[in-house]
Protein backbone atom coordinates (compact mmCIF):
# COMPACT_ATOMS: atom_id res chain seq x y z
CA UNK A 1 -32.86 92.33 91.47
CA UNK A 2 -32.19 94.29 88.30
CA UNK A 3 -28.43 94.16 88.93
CA UNK A 4 -28.70 90.46 89.48
CA UNK A 5 -30.54 90.13 86.20
CA UNK A 6 -27.80 92.09 84.45
CA UNK A 7 -25.16 89.75 85.79
CA UNK A 8 -27.17 86.77 84.64
CA UNK A 9 -27.78 88.21 81.19
CA UNK A 10 -24.05 88.84 80.76
CA UNK A 11 -23.26 85.13 81.08
CA UNK A 12 -22.94 83.06 77.94
CA UNK A 13 -25.76 80.58 78.04
CA UNK A 14 -25.93 77.10 76.61
CA UNK A 15 -26.03 77.01 72.83
CA UNK A 16 -28.35 74.88 70.74
CA UNK A 17 -26.08 72.21 69.24
CA UNK A 18 -22.28 72.30 69.15
CA UNK A 19 -21.61 71.99 65.46
CA UNK A 20 -20.04 68.59 66.04
CA UNK A 21 -17.26 70.04 68.17
CA UNK A 22 -18.03 67.82 71.16
CA UNK A 23 -18.19 64.70 69.02
CA UNK A 24 -14.93 65.57 67.23
CA UNK A 25 -13.29 66.24 70.56
CA UNK A 26 -14.04 62.68 71.61
CA UNK A 27 -12.56 61.19 68.46
CA UNK A 28 -9.06 59.75 68.56
CA UNK A 29 -6.22 61.51 66.76
CA UNK A 30 -4.63 58.32 65.49
CA UNK A 31 -1.46 56.60 66.68
CA UNK A 32 1.19 58.64 68.41
CA UNK A 33 3.80 59.66 65.84
CA UNK A 34 7.39 58.50 66.30
CA UNK A 35 9.61 60.65 68.51
CA UNK A 36 11.49 61.84 65.42
CA UNK A 37 8.31 63.55 64.19
CA UNK A 38 7.16 65.18 67.45
CA UNK A 39 7.72 68.90 67.48
CA UNK A 40 10.31 69.94 70.05
CA UNK A 41 11.36 66.38 70.91
CA UNK A 42 15.11 65.82 71.30
CA UNK A 43 15.05 62.96 68.80
CA UNK A 44 13.42 65.25 66.26
CA UNK A 45 16.26 67.76 66.55
CA UNK A 46 18.80 64.96 66.11
CA UNK A 47 16.92 63.60 63.08
CA UNK A 48 16.76 67.07 61.52
CA UNK A 49 20.50 67.48 61.90
CA UNK A 50 21.08 64.09 60.27
CA UNK A 51 18.70 65.03 57.46
CA UNK A 52 20.55 68.25 56.72
CA UNK A 53 23.79 66.30 56.43
CA UNK A 54 22.24 63.48 54.41
CA UNK A 55 20.37 65.73 51.98
CA UNK A 56 23.56 67.53 51.14
CA UNK A 57 25.05 64.32 49.77
CA UNK A 58 21.92 62.38 48.75
CA UNK A 59 22.48 60.83 45.32
CA UNK A 60 19.95 61.41 42.59
CA UNK A 61 18.50 59.13 39.97
CA UNK A 62 20.42 56.59 37.96
CA UNK A 63 22.98 57.97 35.59
CA UNK A 64 25.95 56.66 33.59
CA UNK A 65 27.12 53.08 33.86
CA UNK A 66 27.10 52.74 37.63
CA UNK A 67 24.12 51.97 39.82
CA UNK A 68 23.18 54.86 42.10
CA UNK A 69 20.53 55.54 44.70
CA UNK A 70 17.08 56.36 43.40
CA UNK A 71 14.39 58.61 44.84
CA UNK A 72 10.74 57.53 44.77
CA UNK A 73 8.69 60.72 44.96
CA UNK A 74 5.05 61.32 45.93
CA UNK A 75 2.59 59.77 48.37
CA UNK A 76 1.08 57.08 46.14
CA UNK A 77 4.41 55.95 44.60
CA UNK A 78 6.06 55.79 48.02
CA UNK A 79 3.25 53.75 49.57
CA UNK A 80 3.15 51.38 46.58
CA UNK A 81 6.92 50.88 46.73
CA UNK A 82 6.75 50.08 50.45
CA UNK A 83 3.85 47.68 49.89
CA UNK A 84 5.78 45.80 47.20
CA UNK A 85 8.86 45.42 49.37
CA UNK A 86 11.11 47.62 47.24
CA UNK A 87 14.42 47.92 49.13
CA UNK A 88 14.66 51.29 50.84
CA UNK A 89 17.19 52.99 53.06
CA UNK A 90 15.44 56.20 54.16
CA UNK A 91 11.93 57.65 54.22
CA UNK A 92 11.96 61.46 54.20
CA UNK A 93 8.83 63.10 55.60
CA UNK A 94 8.10 66.78 55.28
CA UNK A 95 7.75 68.78 58.50
CA UNK A 96 4.16 69.61 59.49
CA UNK A 97 2.78 67.36 56.76
CA UNK A 98 -0.96 66.77 56.50
CA UNK A 99 -1.39 63.38 58.12
CA UNK A 100 -3.68 61.61 55.66
CA UNK A 101 -4.18 57.85 55.17
CA UNK A 102 -1.25 57.51 52.76
CA UNK A 103 1.16 59.22 55.12
CA UNK A 104 -0.01 57.05 58.01
CA UNK A 105 0.35 53.89 55.92
CA UNK A 106 3.85 54.90 54.81
CA UNK A 107 4.90 55.41 58.42
CA UNK A 108 3.30 52.14 59.48
CA UNK A 109 4.94 50.13 56.69
CA UNK A 110 8.30 51.73 57.45
CA UNK A 111 7.99 50.75 61.11
CA UNK A 112 6.86 47.20 60.29
CA UNK A 113 9.66 46.50 57.81
CA UNK A 114 12.44 47.85 59.99
CA UNK A 115 15.85 48.85 58.78
CA UNK A 116 14.55 52.01 57.08
CA UNK A 117 15.68 55.34 58.51
CA UNK A 118 12.92 57.88 59.16
CA UNK A 119 13.94 61.49 58.58
CA UNK A 120 11.88 64.67 58.89
CA UNK A 121 12.92 67.51 56.58
CA UNK A 122 11.67 71.02 55.74
CA UNK A 123 9.92 71.37 52.42
CA UNK A 124 12.74 73.42 50.79
CA UNK A 125 15.19 70.58 51.43
CA UNK A 126 12.84 68.01 49.88
CA UNK A 127 12.32 70.36 46.93
CA UNK A 128 16.07 70.48 46.46
CA UNK A 129 16.46 66.70 46.79
CA UNK A 130 13.82 66.04 44.13
CA UNK A 131 14.77 68.92 41.80
CA UNK A 132 11.39 70.55 42.33
CA UNK A 133 9.20 67.48 41.66
CA UNK A 134 5.80 67.26 43.33
CA UNK A 135 6.89 65.08 46.25
CA UNK A 136 3.75 65.77 48.35
CA UNK A 137 5.90 65.56 51.47
CA UNK A 138 7.11 61.96 51.02
CA UNK A 139 10.40 60.84 49.45
CA UNK A 140 11.76 57.30 49.62
CA UNK A 141 15.44 56.65 48.98
CA UNK A 142 16.20 53.32 47.30
CA UNK A 143 19.79 52.11 47.73
CA UNK A 144 21.98 51.15 44.76
CA UNK A 145 21.18 47.77 43.26
CA UNK A 146 24.02 45.26 43.57
CA UNK A 147 24.39 43.72 40.12
CA UNK A 148 25.87 40.27 39.70
CA UNK A 149 28.65 39.45 37.25
CA UNK A 150 27.51 37.51 34.13
CA UNK A 151 29.73 34.61 35.16
CA UNK A 152 27.92 34.40 38.51
CA UNK A 153 24.72 33.29 36.78
CA UNK A 154 26.44 30.28 35.21
CA UNK A 155 28.18 29.41 38.47
CA UNK A 156 24.85 29.60 40.32
CA UNK A 157 23.24 27.14 37.88
CA UNK A 158 26.13 24.71 38.21
CA UNK A 159 25.99 24.96 42.00
CA UNK A 160 22.39 23.74 41.76
CA UNK A 161 23.41 20.92 39.43
CA UNK A 162 21.41 22.40 36.55
CA UNK A 163 22.07 23.59 33.01
CA UNK A 164 22.09 27.40 32.87
CA UNK A 165 18.86 29.07 31.73
CA UNK A 166 19.53 32.78 31.32
CA UNK A 167 17.77 35.67 29.60
CA UNK A 168 19.79 38.52 28.07
CA UNK A 169 18.09 41.79 27.09
CA UNK A 170 19.30 43.78 24.09
CA UNK A 171 18.10 47.38 23.89
CA UNK A 172 15.21 47.00 26.37
CA UNK A 173 14.86 50.39 28.05
CA UNK A 174 11.58 50.09 29.99
CA UNK A 175 12.21 49.09 33.63
CA UNK A 176 8.76 47.51 33.78
CA UNK A 177 9.75 45.13 30.98
CA UNK A 178 12.90 44.24 32.90
CA UNK A 179 10.84 43.58 36.02
CA UNK A 180 8.45 41.37 34.05
CA UNK A 181 11.37 39.37 32.61
CA UNK A 182 12.86 38.90 36.08
CA UNK A 183 9.49 37.63 37.28
CA UNK A 184 9.21 35.15 34.37
CA UNK A 185 12.78 33.90 34.87
CA UNK A 186 11.99 33.23 38.51
CA UNK A 187 8.67 31.54 37.67
CA UNK A 188 10.18 29.12 35.15
CA UNK A 189 13.31 28.17 37.07
CA UNK A 190 15.80 30.41 35.28
CA UNK A 191 19.10 31.48 36.77
CA UNK A 192 19.21 35.20 36.06
CA UNK A 193 19.00 38.10 33.64
CA UNK A 194 21.80 39.97 31.86
CA UNK A 195 21.43 43.62 30.84
CA UNK A 196 23.92 45.90 29.07
CA UNK A 197 25.55 48.66 31.07
CA UNK A 198 24.48 51.40 28.65
CA UNK A 199 21.26 52.31 26.91
CA UNK A 200 19.27 49.72 28.83
CA UNK A 201 16.82 49.50 31.68
CA UNK A 202 18.27 49.00 35.14
CA UNK A 203 16.88 47.69 38.41
CA UNK A 204 14.97 50.76 39.46
CA UNK A 205 12.08 50.87 41.92
CA UNK A 206 9.72 50.42 38.96
CA UNK A 207 11.49 47.22 37.93
CA UNK A 208 11.38 45.93 41.52
CA UNK A 209 7.63 46.59 41.72
CA UNK A 210 6.89 44.84 38.42
CA UNK A 211 8.93 41.81 39.45
CA UNK A 212 6.47 41.31 42.34
CA UNK A 213 9.23 40.27 44.73
CA UNK A 214 11.09 38.02 42.27
CA UNK A 215 14.00 40.47 42.14
CA UNK A 216 14.88 39.48 45.69
CA UNK A 217 15.73 35.92 44.58
CA UNK A 218 16.66 36.24 40.89
CA UNK A 219 20.02 37.92 40.16
CA UNK A 220 20.45 40.55 37.47
CA UNK A 221 23.93 40.87 35.97
CA UNK A 222 25.28 43.88 34.13
CA UNK A 223 27.50 43.42 31.07
CA UNK A 224 29.97 46.07 29.95
CA UNK A 225 29.65 44.71 26.40
CA UNK A 226 26.74 42.37 25.70
CA UNK A 227 28.25 40.89 22.53
CA UNK A 228 31.48 39.91 24.30
CA UNK A 229 29.48 38.47 27.19
CA UNK A 230 27.47 36.29 24.81
CA UNK A 231 30.68 35.12 23.12
CA UNK A 232 32.07 34.15 26.52
CA UNK A 233 28.90 32.17 27.22
CA UNK A 234 29.33 30.37 23.86
CA UNK A 235 32.89 29.37 24.77
CA UNK A 236 31.50 27.92 28.01
CA UNK A 237 29.27 25.59 25.94
CA UNK A 238 26.02 27.54 26.26
CA UNK A 239 23.76 27.93 23.23
CA UNK A 240 22.77 31.51 22.34
CA UNK A 241 19.18 31.73 21.09
CA UNK A 242 17.94 35.07 19.75
CA UNK A 243 14.27 35.93 19.29
CA UNK A 244 13.54 37.51 15.92
CA UNK A 245 10.39 38.01 13.87
CA UNK A 246 12.22 36.59 10.83
CA UNK A 247 13.82 33.69 12.72
CA UNK A 248 14.67 30.56 10.75
CA UNK A 249 12.71 28.25 13.07
CA UNK A 250 9.88 28.33 15.59
CA UNK A 251 10.60 27.93 19.28
CA UNK A 252 8.79 24.59 19.40
CA UNK A 253 11.29 23.14 16.91
CA UNK A 254 14.44 24.12 18.83
CA UNK A 255 16.04 21.26 20.76
CA UNK A 256 18.66 23.63 22.21
CA UNK A 257 16.11 24.92 24.72
CA UNK A 258 16.43 21.65 26.62
CA UNK A 259 20.10 22.27 27.45
CA UNK A 260 22.28 25.16 28.66
CA UNK A 261 20.93 28.23 26.91
CA UNK A 262 20.87 32.00 26.90
CA UNK A 263 17.68 33.48 25.43
CA UNK A 264 18.31 36.91 23.92
CA UNK A 265 15.34 39.27 23.68
CA UNK A 266 15.50 42.58 21.82
CA UNK A 267 13.32 45.65 22.01
CA UNK A 268 9.78 45.48 20.64
CA UNK A 269 10.47 48.10 17.99
CA UNK A 270 14.03 47.41 16.78
CA UNK A 271 14.50 43.79 17.75
CA UNK A 272 18.04 42.46 18.10
CA UNK A 273 20.96 44.73 17.23
CA UNK A 274 23.14 43.61 14.33
CA UNK A 275 26.17 42.47 16.33
CA UNK A 276 24.09 40.64 18.91
CA UNK A 277 22.04 38.95 16.17
CA UNK A 278 25.22 37.77 14.44
CA UNK A 279 26.50 36.33 17.71
CA UNK A 280 23.45 34.10 18.21
CA UNK A 281 23.73 30.39 17.38
CA UNK A 282 20.02 30.27 16.54
CA UNK A 283 17.43 32.88 15.58
CA UNK A 284 13.92 31.71 16.34
CA UNK A 285 10.45 33.19 16.13
CA UNK A 286 7.33 32.85 18.24
CA UNK A 287 4.36 31.67 16.14
CA UNK A 288 1.50 34.18 16.40
CA UNK A 289 -1.52 32.99 14.41
CA UNK A 290 -3.54 35.95 15.61
CA UNK A 291 -1.60 38.28 13.34
CA UNK A 292 0.14 40.40 15.98
CA UNK A 293 3.48 41.57 14.62
CA UNK A 294 5.46 41.62 17.87
CA UNK A 295 5.34 41.11 21.63
CA UNK A 296 6.96 43.20 24.31
CA UNK A 297 10.07 41.82 25.95
CA UNK A 298 8.34 40.64 29.10
CA UNK A 299 5.71 38.59 27.25
CA UNK A 300 8.15 37.20 24.66
CA UNK A 301 10.59 36.05 27.33
CA UNK A 302 7.78 34.37 29.28
CA UNK A 303 6.66 32.37 26.21
CA UNK A 304 10.15 31.06 25.47
CA UNK A 305 10.95 30.37 29.12
CA UNK A 306 7.79 28.28 29.38
CA UNK A 307 8.87 26.20 26.36
CA UNK A 308 12.36 25.76 27.86
CA UNK A 309 10.93 24.73 31.23
CA UNK A 310 8.56 22.26 29.53
CA UNK A 311 11.42 20.59 27.67
CA UNK A 312 13.58 20.41 30.80
CA UNK A 313 10.82 18.84 32.85
């Protein structure tokens, strides 16, 4: 009897409570990850090999006069870019990443949109791709933006049987301002935006996000020399209207806005450059009775585009 008691006392009896282990064991672990992200899966090995080849030649951020691929880095920026429909070619996901809500949403959005490659990569390779930025295990590659030619904007207006309504930006370096201008041009029936090739904002992921989808239907052209491009527009019978704080007239007085016109907007600080200002047929100002000295490019363009659209209607 004593031996029997010893055997019974050696058994591990039932414990009071389980510390939530039983409940957690019954909880789901979320959707099954794609084959490319399952450890040991053949597709994962293939994806890793592709990643090693792709990372070795992955282009970095915009530089020089040509459009290049861009990398959106970090969990929140990647998710926001995918939500806003920013064009993307590849989503890189770090191996053994903590699967939080943002990672799951990024994977879900990638699957829903289609056409985006999903690559798993070791952390050192992502560190190298991003030059040591805090990528948090998610990197989205945005393909090069395909800029139109300045002449394409005029041709597009004529194809629609309309007078060209174009905005040209002079010295605007904030991509968010460019995105806001693209959005305003789309809203008020414009035919495109022209930006200089150098020292100017380009169509980055930030510009795409700010445009709120308008960049998908409103072309952006890149000019090697903005002054020469404006002169070519003048020869084609298009009025060049520059916005300036010391403009000779107010926008409400300018009849030229009712016809073919290019609206030139400078930077908030410096305004129009000298050569661009001299090229303009008209220099007009926006009346601001509230006393504000200047508006940023996105707001200023929206005000003038509204006046142009009102006159054309």
